[in-house]
């Protein structure tokens, strides 16, 4: 029974670390996508004469 509980705890720890990594990377992924979309917009949208 002790080995089974230890295995469950190990899986929970691994899943928690992976989930935390995904949440942390979400911010950087959003920034990268937004930057790329801004580059595309600047390339295709005509610039307004000021």
C-alpha atoms as a PDB file:
ATOM      1  CA  UNK A   1       0.000   0.000   0.000  1.00  0.00           C
ATOM      2  CA  UNK A   2       2.879   2.373   0.786  1.00  0.00           C
ATOM      3  CA  UNK A   3       4.448   1.922  -2.676  1.00  0.00           C
ATOM      4  CA  UNK A   4       1.119   2.643  -4.344  1.00  0.00           C
ATOM      5  CA  UNK A   5       0.701   5.864  -2.361  1.00  0.00           C
ATOM      6  CA  UNK A   6       4.265   6.885  -3.171  1.00  0.00           C
ATOM      7  CA  UNK A   7       3.648   6.295  -6.889  1.00  0.00           C
ATOM      8  CA  UNK A   8       0.472   8.382  -6.794  1.00  0.00           C
ATOM      9  CA  UNK A   9       2.315  11.232  -5.055  1.00  0.00           C
ATOM     10  CA  UNK A  10       5.110  11.080  -7.644  1.00  0.00           C
ATOM     11  CA  UNK A  11       2.591  11.290 -10.482  1.00  0.00           C
ATOM     12  CA  UNK A  12       0.841  14.225  -8.829  1.00  0.00           C
ATOM     13  CA  UNK A  13       4.158  16.064  -8.457  1.00  0.00           C
ATOM     14  CA  UNK A  14       5.089  15.438 -12.097  1.00  0.00           C
ATOM     15  CA  UNK A  15       1.683  16.586 -13.343  1.00  0.00           C
ATOM     16  CA  UNK A  16       1.905  19.708 -11.154  1.00  0.00           C
ATOM     17  CA  UNK A  17       5.336  20.620 -12.526  1.00  0.00           C
ATOM     18  CA  UNK A  18       4.162  20.138 -16.116  1.00  0.00           C
ATOM     19  CA  UNK A  19       1.030  22.224 -15.477  1.00  0.00           C
ATOM     20  CA  UNK A  20       3.097  25.018 -13.924  1.00  0.00           C
ATOM     21  CA  UNK A  21       5.445  25.006 -16.914  1.00  0.00           C
ATOM     22  CA  UNK A  22       2.518  25.253 -19.330  1.00  0.00           C
ATOM     23  CA  UNK A  23       1.027  28.184 -17.416  1.00  0.00           C
ATOM     24  CA  UNK A  24       4.403  29.952 -17.316  1.00  0.00           C
ATOM     25  CA  UNK A  25       4.984  29.475 -21.056  1.00  0.00           C
ATOM     26  CA  UNK A  26       1.506  30.749 -21.919  1.00  0.00           C
ATOM     27  CA  UNK A  27       2.583  34.378 -21.375  1.00  0.00           C
ATOM     28  CA  UNK A  28       5.632  34.059 -23.623  1.00  0.00           C
ATOM     29  CA  UNK A  29       3.631  32.263 -26.301  1.00  0.00           C
ATOM     30  CA  UNK A  30       0.996  35.015 -26.326  1.00  0.00           C
ATOM     31  CA  UNK A  31       3.694  37.688 -26.647  1.00  0.00           C
ATOM     32  CA  UNK A  32       5.334  35.863 -29.548  1.00  0.00           C
ATOM     33  CA  UNK A  33       2.043  35.425 -31.397  1.00  0.00           C
ATOM     34  CA  UNK A  34       1.054  39.057 -30.843  1.00  0.00           C
ATOM     35  CA  UNK A  35       4.440  40.280 -32.059  1.00  0.00           C
ATOM     36  CA  UNK A  36       4.191  38.172 -35.215  1.00  0.00           C
ATOM     37  CA  UNK A  37       0.654  39.389 -35.918  1.00  0.00           C
ATOM     38  CA  UNK A  38       1.821  42.979 -35.472  1.00  0.00           C
ATOM     39  CA  UNK A  39       4.633  42.372 -37.994  1.00  0.00           C
ATOM     40  CA  UNK A  40       2.134  40.981 -40.494  1.00  0.00           C
ATOM     41  CA  UNK A  41      -0.230  43.894 -39.912  1.00  0.00           C
ATOM     42  CA  UNK A  42       2.546  46.439 -40.455  1.00  0.00           C
ATOM     43  CA  UNK A  43       3.568  44.688 -43.667  1.00  0.00           C
ATOM     44  CA  UNK A  44       0.129  44.482 -45.270  1.00  0.00           C
ATOM     45  CA  UNK A  45      -1.786  47.462 -43.917  1.00  0.00           C
ATOM     46  CA  UNK A  46      -0.932  50.660 -45.771  1.00  0.00           C
ATOM     47  CA  UNK A  47       0.660  53.275 -43.594  1.00  0.00           C
ATOM     48  CA  UNK A  48      -1.393  56.389 -42.971  1.00  0.00           C
ATOM     49  CA  UNK A  49       0.343  59.574 -44.094  1.00  0.00           C
ATOM     50  CA  UNK A  50       0.768  61.870 -41.145  1.00  0.00           C
END
